[in-house]
N, C-alpha and C. Protein backbone atom coordinates (compact mmCIF):
# COMPACT_ATOMS: atom_id res chain seq x y z
N UNK A 1 -65.76 -24.13 -73.20
CA UNK A 1 -64.16 -23.77 -72.81
C UNK A 1 -63.72 -22.44 -73.82
N UNK A 2 -64.60 -21.48 -74.14
CA UNK A 2 -64.57 -20.36 -74.51
C UNK A 2 -64.92 -19.62 -72.78
N UNK A 3 -65.87 -20.02 -72.38
CA UNK A 3 -65.83 -19.25 -71.22
C UNK A 3 -65.21 -19.37 -69.61
N UNK A 4 -64.59 -20.93 -69.85
CA UNK A 4 -62.96 -20.73 -68.56
C UNK A 4 -62.07 -20.03 -69.26
N UNK A 5 -61.75 -19.80 -70.64
CA UNK A 5 -60.64 -19.12 -71.07
C UNK A 5 -60.95 -17.63 -70.22
N UNK A 6 -62.14 -17.03 -70.96
CA UNK A 6 -62.55 -15.72 -70.10
C UNK A 6 -62.53 -15.89 -68.62
N UNK A 7 -62.89 -16.64 -68.24
CA UNK A 7 -63.01 -16.51 -66.84
C UNK A 7 -61.39 -16.33 -65.78
N UNK A 8 -60.47 -17.21 -66.77
CA UNK A 8 -59.33 -17.28 -66.71
C UNK A 8 -58.58 -15.92 -66.55
N UNK A 9 -58.82 -15.87 -67.87
CA UNK A 9 -58.34 -14.06 -68.34
C UNK A 9 -58.73 -13.07 -67.42
N UNK A 10 -59.89 -13.10 -67.37
CA UNK A 10 -60.33 -12.20 -65.77
C UNK A 10 -59.77 -12.02 -64.80
N UNK A 11 -59.63 -13.25 -64.41
CA UNK A 11 -59.31 -13.61 -62.85
C UNK A 11 -57.59 -13.32 -62.93
N UNK A 12 -56.69 -13.44 -64.21
CA UNK A 12 -55.40 -13.30 -64.19
C UNK A 12 -55.18 -11.53 -64.49
N UNK A 13 -56.31 -10.82 -65.14
CA UNK A 13 -56.01 -9.73 -65.12
C UNK A 13 -56.40 -9.18 -63.64
N UNK A 14 -57.56 -9.66 -62.72
CA UNK A 14 -57.82 -9.32 -61.69
C UNK A 14 -56.48 -9.03 -60.85
N UNK A 15 -55.62 -10.88 -60.83
CA UNK A 15 -54.50 -10.64 -60.38
C UNK A 15 -53.61 -9.95 -60.47
N UNK A 16 -53.09 -9.34 -61.60
CA UNK A 16 -52.52 -8.23 -62.06
C UNK A 16 -52.84 -7.28 -61.60
N UNK A 17 -54.01 -6.88 -61.39
CA UNK A 17 -54.49 -5.72 -61.06
C UNK A 17 -53.96 -5.36 -59.42
N UNK A 18 -53.88 -6.75 -58.89
CA UNK A 18 -53.84 -6.75 -57.51
C UNK A 18 -52.50 -6.40 -57.04
N UNK A 19 -51.53 -7.00 -57.92
CA UNK A 19 -50.15 -6.80 -57.66
C UNK A 19 -49.51 -5.60 -58.33
N UNK A 20 -50.39 -4.85 -59.47
CA UNK A 20 -49.73 -4.02 -59.85
C UNK A 20 -49.62 -2.53 -58.70
N UNK A 21 -51.05 -3.08 -58.20
CA UNK A 21 -51.35 -1.70 -57.35
C UNK A 21 -50.93 -1.41 -56.19
N UNK A 22 -50.56 -0.48 -56.09
CA UNK A 22 -49.22 -0.16 -54.87
C UNK A 22 -50.16 0.25 -53.49
N UNK A 23 -49.73 -0.87 -52.47
CA UNK A 23 -50.22 -0.45 -51.64
C UNK A 23 -49.96 0.56 -50.89
N UNK A 24 -50.87 1.38 -50.12
CA UNK A 24 -50.84 2.38 -49.64
C UNK A 24 -50.28 2.42 -48.21
N UNK A 25 -48.74 2.81 -47.96
CA UNK A 25 -48.51 2.68 -46.23
C UNK A 25 -49.03 3.56 -45.55
N UNK A 26 -49.15 3.05 -44.28
CA UNK A 26 -49.91 3.75 -43.20
C UNK A 26 -48.47 4.89 -42.89
N UNK A 27 -49.06 5.72 -42.67
CA UNK A 27 -47.97 7.10 -41.78
C UNK A 27 -47.91 6.69 -40.61
N UNK A 28 -46.69 6.47 -39.94
CA UNK A 28 -46.26 6.23 -39.09
C UNK A 28 -46.79 7.24 -37.62
N UNK A 29 -47.27 6.79 -36.71
CA UNK A 29 -47.52 7.58 -36.05
C UNK A 29 -46.77 8.83 -35.24
N UNK A 30 -47.29 10.05 -35.25
CA UNK A 30 -46.34 10.98 -35.16
C UNK A 30 -45.73 11.03 -34.02
N UNK A 31 -44.38 11.21 -33.81
CA UNK A 31 -43.72 11.28 -32.13
C UNK A 31 -44.16 12.69 -31.40
N UNK A 32 -44.81 12.34 -30.31
CA UNK A 32 -45.11 13.31 -29.23
C UNK A 32 -43.47 14.13 -29.01
N UNK A 33 -43.04 15.14 -29.03
CA UNK A 33 -42.18 15.61 -28.32
C UNK A 33 -42.03 15.37 -27.01
N UNK A 34 -40.78 14.89 -26.62
CA UNK A 34 -40.94 14.59 -24.94
C UNK A 34 -39.92 15.93 -24.63
N UNK A 35 -40.87 16.36 -23.48
CA UNK A 35 -40.33 17.49 -22.71
C UNK A 35 -39.46 17.19 -22.04
N UNK A 36 -38.36 18.08 -21.91
CA UNK A 36 -37.26 17.76 -21.44
C UNK A 36 -37.25 18.34 -19.88
N UNK A 37 -36.65 17.49 -19.10
CA UNK A 37 -36.91 18.17 -17.37
C UNK A 37 -35.86 19.13 -17.01
N UNK A 38 -35.99 19.94 -16.14
CA UNK A 38 -35.26 21.31 -15.96
C UNK A 38 -34.02 20.75 -15.41
N UNK A 39 -33.05 20.80 -15.16
CA UNK A 39 -32.16 19.80 -14.09
C UNK A 39 -32.13 20.69 -12.64
N UNK A 40 -31.92 19.97 -11.65
CA UNK A 40 -32.43 20.67 -10.49
C UNK A 40 -31.21 22.06 -10.22
N UNK A 41 -31.50 23.06 -9.83
CA UNK A 41 -30.35 24.10 -9.77
C UNK A 41 -29.41 23.57 -8.88
N UNK A 42 -27.90 23.68 -8.85
CA UNK A 42 -27.26 23.28 -8.11
C UNK A 42 -27.09 24.24 -7.20
N UNK A 43 -26.78 23.98 -6.08
CA UNK A 43 -27.06 24.89 -4.76
C UNK A 43 -25.13 25.08 -4.56
N UNK A 44 -24.92 25.85 -4.07
CA UNK A 44 -23.45 26.50 -4.10
C UNK A 44 -23.21 25.62 -2.80
N UNK A 45 -22.28 24.67 -3.08
CA UNK A 45 -21.33 24.01 -1.71
C UNK A 45 -20.46 25.08 -1.24
N UNK A 46 -20.72 25.18 0.24
CA UNK A 46 -19.56 25.95 0.97
C UNK A 46 -18.65 25.29 1.11
N UNK A 47 -17.22 25.85 0.74
CA UNK A 47 -16.23 25.03 1.05
C UNK A 47 -15.89 25.04 2.52
N UNK A 48 -15.47 23.74 2.86
CA UNK A 48 -14.94 23.39 4.57
C UNK A 48 -13.36 24.22 4.32
N UNK A 49 -13.04 24.91 5.29
CA UNK A 49 -11.65 25.16 5.40
C UNK A 49 -11.03 23.86 5.80
N UNK A 50 -9.57 23.77 5.08
CA UNK A 50 -8.78 22.88 5.32
C UNK A 50 -8.56 22.35 6.47
N UNK A 51 -8.69 20.92 7.30
CA UNK A 51 -7.81 20.92 8.67
C UNK A 51 -6.49 21.27 8.21
N UNK A 52 -5.89 21.45 9.60
CA UNK A 52 -4.71 21.76 9.74
C UNK A 52 -3.90 20.52 9.37
N UNK A 53 -2.86 20.61 9.02
CA UNK A 53 -2.09 19.76 8.40
C UNK A 53 -1.37 19.30 9.74
N UNK A 54 -1.34 17.86 9.85
CA UNK A 54 -0.43 17.15 11.01
C UNK A 54 0.91 16.85 10.93
N UNK A 55 1.90 16.96 11.21
CA UNK A 55 3.08 16.53 11.14
C UNK A 55 2.88 15.16 10.25
N UNK A 56 3.74 14.75 8.94
CA UNK A 56 3.61 13.26 8.75
C UNK A 56 4.37 12.37 9.60
N UNK A 57 3.74 11.05 9.62
CA UNK A 57 4.71 10.36 10.31
C UNK A 57 5.28 9.86 9.44
N UNK A 58 6.77 9.31 9.78
CA UNK A 58 7.40 8.54 9.22
C UNK A 58 7.91 7.69 9.76
N UNK A 59 8.24 6.33 8.28
CA UNK A 59 8.72 5.00 9.33
C UNK A 59 10.12 5.02 9.72
N UNK A 60 9.65 4.01 10.89
CA UNK A 60 11.58 3.85 11.14
C UNK A 60 12.34 3.13 10.54
N UNK A 61 13.27 2.75 10.54
CA UNK A 61 14.14 2.44 9.97
C UNK A 61 13.81 1.51 9.17
N UNK A 62 13.21 -0.12 9.68
CA UNK A 62 12.69 -1.23 8.49
C UNK A 62 11.51 -0.96 8.24
N UNK A 63 10.82 -0.03 8.37
CA UNK A 63 9.64 0.21 7.85
C UNK A 63 8.57 -0.28 9.20
N UNK A 64 8.82 -0.90 10.19
CA UNK A 64 7.84 -1.32 11.27
C UNK A 64 7.00 -0.30 11.92
N UNK A 65 7.37 0.22 12.61
CA UNK A 65 6.49 1.34 13.25
C UNK A 65 6.77 2.79 12.62
N UNK A 66 5.51 3.41 12.60
CA UNK A 66 5.13 4.88 12.21
C UNK A 66 5.78 5.76 13.30
N UNK A 67 6.31 6.79 13.24
CA UNK A 67 6.25 7.86 14.46
C UNK A 67 6.04 9.38 14.23
N UNK A 68 6.16 10.14 14.83
CA UNK A 68 5.92 11.37 14.33
C UNK A 68 7.70 11.94 14.48
N UNK A 69 8.03 12.80 13.46
CA UNK A 69 9.79 13.09 13.71
C UNK A 69 10.04 14.40 14.74
N UNK A 70 11.12 14.16 15.33
CA UNK A 70 11.12 14.93 16.58
C UNK A 70 11.18 16.49 15.87
N UNK A 71 11.04 17.87 16.18
CA UNK A 71 11.58 18.85 15.94
C UNK A 71 12.30 19.83 17.02
N UNK A 72 13.48 19.58 16.86
CA UNK A 72 13.85 20.43 17.69
C UNK A 72 13.81 21.99 17.98
N UNK A 73 13.99 22.28 19.41
CA UNK A 73 13.23 23.60 19.41
C UNK A 73 14.51 24.61 19.01
N UNK A 74 14.60 25.85 18.89
CA UNK A 74 15.82 26.69 18.50
C UNK A 74 16.74 26.66 19.59
N UNK A 75 18.09 26.45 19.46
CA UNK A 75 19.23 26.47 20.16
C UNK A 75 19.01 25.44 21.31
N UNK A 76 18.25 24.40 20.92
CA UNK A 76 18.32 23.14 21.64
C UNK A 76 19.71 22.39 21.80
N UNK A 77 20.14 21.83 22.57
CA UNK A 77 21.44 21.12 22.81
C UNK A 77 20.85 19.52 22.06
N UNK A 78 21.98 19.19 21.57
CA UNK A 78 22.19 17.93 20.92
C UNK A 78 21.75 16.90 21.94
N UNK A 79 21.04 16.12 21.56
CA UNK A 79 20.71 15.08 22.53
C UNK A 79 20.00 15.23 24.13
N UNK A 80 19.24 16.10 24.12
CA UNK A 80 18.69 16.73 25.02
C UNK A 80 17.77 15.69 25.92
N UNK A 81 17.24 15.89 27.12
CA UNK A 81 16.71 15.39 27.85
C UNK A 81 15.45 14.99 26.77
N UNK A 82 14.56 16.03 26.21
CA UNK A 82 13.51 15.77 25.37
C UNK A 82 13.77 14.57 24.38
N UNK A 83 15.11 14.94 23.67
CA UNK A 83 15.05 14.56 22.28
C UNK A 83 15.60 12.77 22.95
N UNK A 84 16.36 12.22 23.69
CA UNK A 84 16.46 10.92 24.79
C UNK A 84 15.08 10.28 24.51
N UNK A 85 13.78 11.16 25.28
CA UNK A 85 12.65 10.58 25.89
C UNK A 85 11.92 10.22 24.22
N UNK A 86 12.10 11.00 23.52
CA UNK A 86 11.82 10.69 22.14
C UNK A 86 12.31 9.48 21.34
N UNK A 87 13.35 9.05 21.43
CA UNK A 87 14.10 7.75 21.08
C UNK A 87 13.93 6.70 21.84
N UNK A 88 13.52 7.15 22.99
CA UNK A 88 13.20 5.80 24.12
C UNK A 88 12.01 5.28 23.60
N UNK A 89 11.29 6.08 23.41
CA UNK A 89 9.56 5.86 22.81
C UNK A 89 9.84 5.24 21.87
N UNK A 90 10.21 5.80 20.96
CA UNK A 90 10.15 5.23 19.38
C UNK A 90 10.44 3.91 19.58
N UNK A 91 11.97 3.73 20.34
CA UNK A 91 12.49 2.43 20.34
C UNK A 91 12.03 1.23 20.81
N UNK A 92 11.37 1.58 21.94
CA UNK A 92 10.37 0.55 22.89
C UNK A 92 8.79 0.52 22.32
N UNK A 93 8.38 0.98 21.30
CA UNK A 93 7.26 0.78 20.62
C UNK A 93 7.92 -0.05 19.40
N UNK A 94 8.44 0.10 18.31
CA UNK A 94 9.14 -0.71 18.00
C UNK A 94 9.52 -2.05 18.22
N UNK A 95 10.09 -1.94 19.64
CA UNK A 95 10.63 -3.56 19.98
C UNK A 95 9.36 -4.13 20.31
N UNK A 96 8.20 -3.61 20.78
CA UNK A 96 6.92 -4.26 21.31
C UNK A 96 6.47 -4.99 19.96
N UNK A 97 6.03 -4.23 18.88
CA UNK A 97 5.95 -4.49 17.50
C UNK A 97 6.61 -5.32 17.36
N UNK A 98 7.82 -5.61 17.33
CA UNK A 98 8.47 -6.88 16.92
C UNK A 98 8.23 -7.85 17.42
N UNK A 99 8.33 -7.70 18.65
CA UNK A 99 7.95 -9.14 19.96
C UNK A 99 6.47 -9.50 19.37
N UNK A 100 5.24 -9.08 19.36
CA UNK A 100 4.30 -9.06 18.76
C UNK A 100 4.37 -9.97 17.89
N UNK A 101 4.59 -9.64 16.17
CA UNK A 101 4.71 -10.39 15.44
C UNK A 101 5.80 -11.45 15.37
N UNK A 102 6.65 -11.36 16.28
CA UNK A 102 7.70 -13.05 16.33
C UNK A 102 6.60 -14.17 17.10
N UNK A 103 5.79 -13.69 18.18
CA UNK A 103 4.77 -14.55 18.85
C UNK A 103 3.69 -14.56 18.01
N UNK A 104 3.31 -13.98 17.14
CA UNK A 104 1.66 -14.26 16.05
C UNK A 104 2.38 -14.94 15.15
N UNK A 105 3.89 -15.32 14.52
CA UNK A 105 3.76 -16.25 13.54
C UNK A 105 4.41 -17.30 14.11
N UNK A 106 5.03 -17.17 15.57
CA UNK A 106 5.13 -18.63 16.17
C UNK A 106 4.00 -19.26 16.16
N UNK A 107 2.51 -18.62 16.47
CA UNK A 107 1.23 -19.30 16.64
C UNK A 107 0.91 -19.63 15.56
N UNK A 108 0.71 -18.91 14.44
CA UNK A 108 0.51 -19.23 13.12
C UNK A 108 1.09 -20.33 12.42
N UNK A 109 2.32 -20.56 12.58
CA UNK A 109 3.30 -21.71 12.30
C UNK A 109 2.52 -23.29 12.79
N UNK A 110 2.71 -22.88 14.33
CA UNK A 110 1.96 -24.41 14.84
C UNK A 110 0.67 -24.29 14.18
N UNK A 111 -0.83 -23.41 14.04
CA UNK A 111 -1.86 -23.78 13.46
C UNK A 111 -1.65 -24.14 12.32
N UNK A 112 -0.73 -23.83 11.22
CA UNK A 112 -0.69 -24.26 9.84
C UNK A 112 0.09 -25.30 9.54
N UNK A 113 0.45 -26.18 10.13
CA UNK A 113 1.59 -27.43 10.26
C UNK A 113 0.82 -28.17 9.75
N UNK A 114 0.30 -28.84 8.33
CA UNK A 114 -0.19 -29.55 7.59
C UNK A 114 0.67 -30.87 6.98
N UNK A 115 0.33 -32.48 6.66
CA UNK A 115 1.11 -33.13 6.47
C UNK A 115 0.73 -33.06 4.80
N UNK A 116 1.00 -32.44 4.23
CA UNK A 116 0.43 -32.53 2.45
C UNK A 116 1.12 -33.77 1.88
N UNK A 117 -0.01 -34.49 1.14
CA UNK A 117 0.03 -35.73 0.46
C UNK A 117 1.30 -35.54 -0.58
N UNK A 118 1.12 -34.46 -1.20
CA UNK A 118 1.67 -34.01 -2.69
C UNK A 118 3.30 -33.49 -2.35
N UNK A 119 4.03 -33.88 -2.77
CA UNK A 119 5.45 -33.24 -2.55
C UNK A 119 5.65 -31.67 -2.67
N UNK A 120 5.30 -31.67 -3.95
CA UNK A 120 5.20 -30.15 -4.31
C UNK A 120 4.85 -29.20 -2.97
N UNK A 121 3.85 -29.58 -2.96
CA UNK A 121 3.18 -28.75 -1.94
C UNK A 121 3.56 -28.79 -0.18
N UNK A 122 3.95 -29.96 -0.01
CA UNK A 122 5.15 -30.12 1.32
C UNK A 122 6.27 -28.91 0.87
N UNK A 123 6.97 -28.98 -0.07
CA UNK A 123 8.25 -28.00 -0.76
C UNK A 123 7.74 -26.71 -0.44
N UNK A 124 6.64 -26.39 -0.94
CA UNK A 124 6.21 -24.88 -1.17
C UNK A 124 5.79 -24.67 0.82
N UNK A 125 5.10 -25.54 1.24
CA UNK A 125 5.09 -25.27 2.29
C UNK A 125 6.44 -25.11 3.68
N UNK A 126 7.28 -25.98 3.05
CA UNK A 126 8.66 -25.65 3.91
C UNK A 126 9.52 -24.71 3.44
N UNK A 127 9.07 -24.28 2.21
CA UNK A 127 9.87 -22.77 1.90
C UNK A 127 9.49 -21.87 2.32
N UNK A 128 7.75 -21.91 2.29
CA UNK A 128 7.43 -21.10 3.06
C UNK A 128 7.57 -20.42 4.30
N UNK A 129 7.93 -21.33 5.52
CA UNK A 129 8.48 -21.47 6.65
C UNK A 129 9.53 -20.94 6.96
N UNK A 130 10.48 -21.77 5.88
CA UNK A 130 11.90 -21.04 6.04
C UNK A 130 11.91 -19.69 5.81
N UNK A 131 11.55 -19.01 5.05
CA UNK A 131 11.48 -17.71 5.05
C UNK A 131 10.74 -16.69 5.83
N UNK A 132 9.74 -17.31 6.53
CA UNK A 132 9.29 -16.97 7.51
C UNK A 132 10.15 -16.80 8.76
N UNK A 133 10.80 -18.15 8.89
CA UNK A 133 11.84 -18.25 9.90
C UNK A 133 12.82 -17.34 9.92
N UNK A 134 13.38 -17.17 8.50
CA UNK A 134 14.64 -16.08 8.43
C UNK A 134 13.92 -14.84 8.72
N UNK A 135 13.12 -14.16 8.55
CA UNK A 135 12.81 -12.81 8.79
C UNK A 135 12.73 -12.64 10.08
N UNK A 136 11.93 -13.81 11.04
CA UNK A 136 11.87 -13.57 12.54
C UNK A 136 13.29 -13.63 12.91
N UNK A 137 14.04 -14.35 12.39
CA UNK A 137 15.44 -14.49 12.76
C UNK A 137 15.78 -13.18 13.00
N UNK A 138 15.75 -12.40 11.57
CA UNK A 138 16.15 -11.05 11.37
C UNK A 138 15.72 -10.08 12.42
N UNK A 139 14.24 -10.15 12.54
CA UNK A 139 13.47 -9.38 13.65
C UNK A 139 14.13 -9.67 15.31
N UNK A 140 14.46 -10.73 15.35
CA UNK A 140 15.11 -11.08 16.70
C UNK A 140 16.33 -10.18 16.86
N UNK A 141 17.24 -10.28 15.77
CA UNK A 141 18.46 -9.49 15.71
C UNK A 141 18.46 -7.87 16.32
N UNK A 142 17.35 -7.39 15.59
CA UNK A 142 16.86 -6.41 15.34
C UNK A 142 16.65 -6.02 16.74
N UNK A 143 16.05 -6.75 18.08
CA UNK A 143 15.36 -6.48 18.96
C UNK A 143 16.60 -6.47 20.09
N UNK A 144 17.80 -7.56 19.35
CA UNK A 144 18.76 -7.15 20.34
C UNK A 144 19.27 -5.88 19.86
N UNK A 145 19.50 -5.29 18.79
CA UNK A 145 20.32 -4.14 18.10
C UNK A 145 19.43 -3.08 19.03
N UNK A 146 18.00 -3.05 19.19
CA UNK A 146 17.02 -2.10 19.79
C UNK A 146 17.65 -2.09 21.39
N UNK A 147 17.74 -3.12 21.96
CA UNK A 147 18.12 -2.80 23.37
C UNK A 147 19.50 -2.67 23.68
N UNK A 148 20.32 -2.78 22.87
CA UNK A 148 21.80 -2.39 22.82
C UNK A 148 21.77 -0.75 22.74
N UNK A 149 20.83 -0.48 22.24
CA UNK A 149 20.63 0.93 21.71
C UNK A 149 20.15 1.75 23.08
N UNK A 150 18.94 1.11 23.26
CA UNK A 150 18.47 1.70 24.74
C UNK A 150 19.36 1.89 25.72
N UNK A 151 20.35 0.66 25.94
CA UNK A 151 21.32 0.84 26.92
C UNK A 151 22.97 1.92 26.66
N UNK A 152 22.73 2.33 25.32
CA UNK A 152 23.21 3.25 25.01
C UNK A 152 22.78 4.73 25.60
N UNK A 153 21.57 4.59 25.47
CA UNK A 153 20.87 5.80 25.37
C UNK A 153 20.89 5.88 27.23
N UNK A 154 20.70 4.74 28.19
CA UNK A 154 20.79 5.06 29.58
C UNK A 154 21.97 5.22 30.01
N UNK A 155 23.27 5.25 29.17
CA UNK A 155 25.10 5.04 29.25
C UNK A 155 25.29 6.81 29.01
N UNK A 156 23.99 7.34 28.43
CA UNK A 156 24.23 8.41 27.68
C UNK A 156 25.50 8.60 26.59
N UNK A 157 25.69 7.31 25.94
CA UNK A 157 26.49 7.12 24.64
C UNK A 157 25.61 7.39 23.49
N UNK A 158 24.36 7.46 23.70
CA UNK A 158 23.31 7.22 22.38
C UNK A 158 24.07 8.61 21.29
N UNK A 159 23.93 8.77 19.76
CA UNK A 159 23.67 9.75 19.09
C UNK A 159 25.00 10.08 18.95
N UNK A 160 26.07 9.53 19.47
CA UNK A 160 27.60 9.80 18.97
C UNK A 160 28.09 8.42 18.27
N UNK A 161 29.26 8.82 16.87
CA UNK A 161 29.19 7.91 16.39
C UNK A 161 30.72 7.10 17.16
N UNK A 162 30.20 5.25 17.17
CA UNK A 162 31.45 4.80 17.93
C UNK A 162 32.83 5.20 17.37
N UNK A 163 32.98 4.87 16.08
CA UNK A 163 34.27 5.27 15.60
C UNK A 163 35.13 6.67 15.67
N UNK A 164 34.32 7.64 15.20
CA UNK A 164 34.72 9.06 15.31
C UNK A 164 34.55 10.05 16.62
N UNK A 165 33.46 9.23 17.32
CA UNK A 165 32.90 10.17 18.43
C UNK A 165 32.20 11.37 17.91
N UNK A 166 31.96 11.93 16.60
CA UNK A 166 31.06 12.96 16.35
C UNK A 166 29.41 12.78 16.48
N UNK A 167 29.21 13.69 16.22
CA UNK A 167 27.30 13.44 16.32
C UNK A 167 26.89 12.75 15.22
N UNK A 168 25.97 12.09 15.37
CA UNK A 168 25.46 11.19 14.44
C UNK A 168 24.23 11.92 13.79
N UNK A 169 23.76 12.55 14.11
CA UNK A 169 22.86 13.54 13.92
C UNK A 169 21.11 13.21 13.81
N UNK A 170 20.74 14.55 13.93
CA UNK A 170 19.20 13.79 14.20
C UNK A 170 18.24 13.32 13.12
N UNK A 171 18.44 13.49 11.65
CA UNK A 171 18.00 13.27 10.65
C UNK A 171 18.19 11.86 10.67
N UNK A 172 19.67 11.70 10.66
CA UNK A 172 19.82 10.36 10.78
C UNK A 172 19.18 9.34 11.75
N UNK A 173 19.28 9.65 12.88
CA UNK A 173 18.37 8.74 13.78
C UNK A 173 17.10 8.70 13.59
N UNK A 174 16.50 9.49 12.97
CA UNK A 174 15.30 9.65 12.93
C UNK A 174 14.72 8.26 11.78
N UNK A 175 15.62 8.31 10.51
CA UNK A 175 15.75 7.58 9.55
C UNK A 175 15.89 6.14 10.42
N UNK A 176 17.16 6.11 11.22
CA UNK A 176 17.57 4.49 11.58
C UNK A 176 17.96 5.05 12.84
N UNK A 177 17.07 4.76 14.12
CA UNK A 177 17.21 5.23 15.32
C UNK A 177 18.36 3.94 15.81
N UNK A 178 18.66 3.10 15.15
CA UNK A 178 19.38 2.19 16.25
C UNK A 178 21.12 2.26 15.48
N UNK A 179 21.03 3.26 14.77
CA UNK A 179 22.39 4.03 14.06
C UNK A 179 23.53 3.71 15.32
N UNK A 180 24.81 3.58 14.65
CA UNK A 180 25.96 3.33 15.65
C UNK A 180 26.80 4.56 14.94
N UNK A 181 26.76 4.64 13.78
CA UNK A 181 27.79 5.34 12.86
C UNK A 181 27.46 6.39 12.51
N UNK A 182 28.27 7.52 12.54
CA UNK A 182 27.92 8.55 11.54
C UNK A 182 27.70 8.44 10.12
N UNK A 183 27.03 9.39 9.12
CA UNK A 183 26.96 8.81 7.95
C UNK A 183 28.26 8.60 7.06
N UNK A 184 29.75 9.43 7.48
CA UNK A 184 30.74 9.42 6.73
C UNK A 184 31.44 7.96 7.48
N UNK A 185 31.45 7.70 8.53
CA UNK A 185 32.08 6.25 9.17
C UNK A 185 31.42 5.23 8.32
N UNK A 186 29.84 5.45 8.38
CA UNK A 186 29.34 4.35 7.53
C UNK A 186 29.32 4.20 6.43
N UNK A 187 29.71 5.33 5.39
CA UNK A 187 30.32 5.16 4.19
C UNK A 187 31.34 4.27 3.85
N UNK A 188 32.26 4.72 4.73
CA UNK A 188 33.72 4.24 4.56
C UNK A 188 33.98 2.86 4.64
N UNK A 189 32.72 2.48 5.71
CA UNK A 189 32.53 1.16 6.34
C UNK A 189 31.97 -0.08 5.06
N UNK A 190 31.04 0.84 4.34
CA UNK A 190 30.56 -0.18 3.30
C UNK A 190 31.72 -0.39 2.11
N UNK A 191 32.52 1.13 1.93
CA UNK A 191 33.48 0.93 0.64
C UNK A 191 34.58 -0.56 1.24
N UNK A 192 34.68 -0.34 2.38
CA UNK A 192 35.81 -1.45 2.86
C UNK A 192 34.88 -2.80 2.56
N UNK A 193 33.89 -2.84 3.09
CA UNK A 193 33.07 -4.18 2.84
C UNK A 193 33.18 -4.35 1.20
N UNK A 194 32.90 -3.40 0.43
CA UNK A 194 32.90 -4.27 -0.91
C UNK A 194 33.80 -4.11 -1.63
N UNK A 195 35.11 -3.86 -1.36
CA UNK A 195 36.60 -4.24 -1.33
C UNK A 195 37.12 -5.48 -0.92
N UNK A 196 36.64 -5.78 0.38
CA UNK A 196 36.78 -7.36 0.71
C UNK A 196 35.81 -8.13 -0.03
N UNK A 197 35.07 -8.02 -0.71
CA UNK A 197 34.45 -8.75 -1.28
C UNK A 197 34.68 -8.98 -2.95
N UNK A 198 35.96 -8.48 -3.21
CA UNK A 198 36.28 -8.10 -4.51
C UNK A 198 37.58 -9.78 -4.21
């Protein structure tokens, strides 16, 4: 037993030595410095000459057709032949675009007619169609107004106010080619409408 005891003591002493001995840590491998690549030299960029600015196209009255505004020449007579041709071109292009939109809407509505089982879907479809038809009706009225304006141009009455006979002005006609009143008469008209509505 004494031997066993001494063997045990020796084993415990050996175990203590193992536990007490600090374990030497291995040194982390030294990191190699990474060589940075030199950024490629920037080549000077030759600046391109700015392109000549074109006149900005403006939208016609309700925003359908863009057109280049007319620039009158010095001492050019109001509603000269060139000005009349400019407005005839604008009005015809605008009328054609509106006509195409109306035709496209009609064909789309015929293609999209679907019998929905759900009442909410049906109501939504009918609401969308009603809105579309209202917009197209407004465009039909505008086409009639364009045709009336083209007749005024043909009879040399275009560009003059229907109420006071004064010039409507090129800037106003550029903004609204179908205008029949000068800005003063139109303002008075709007004031009267507001008073009548009250």
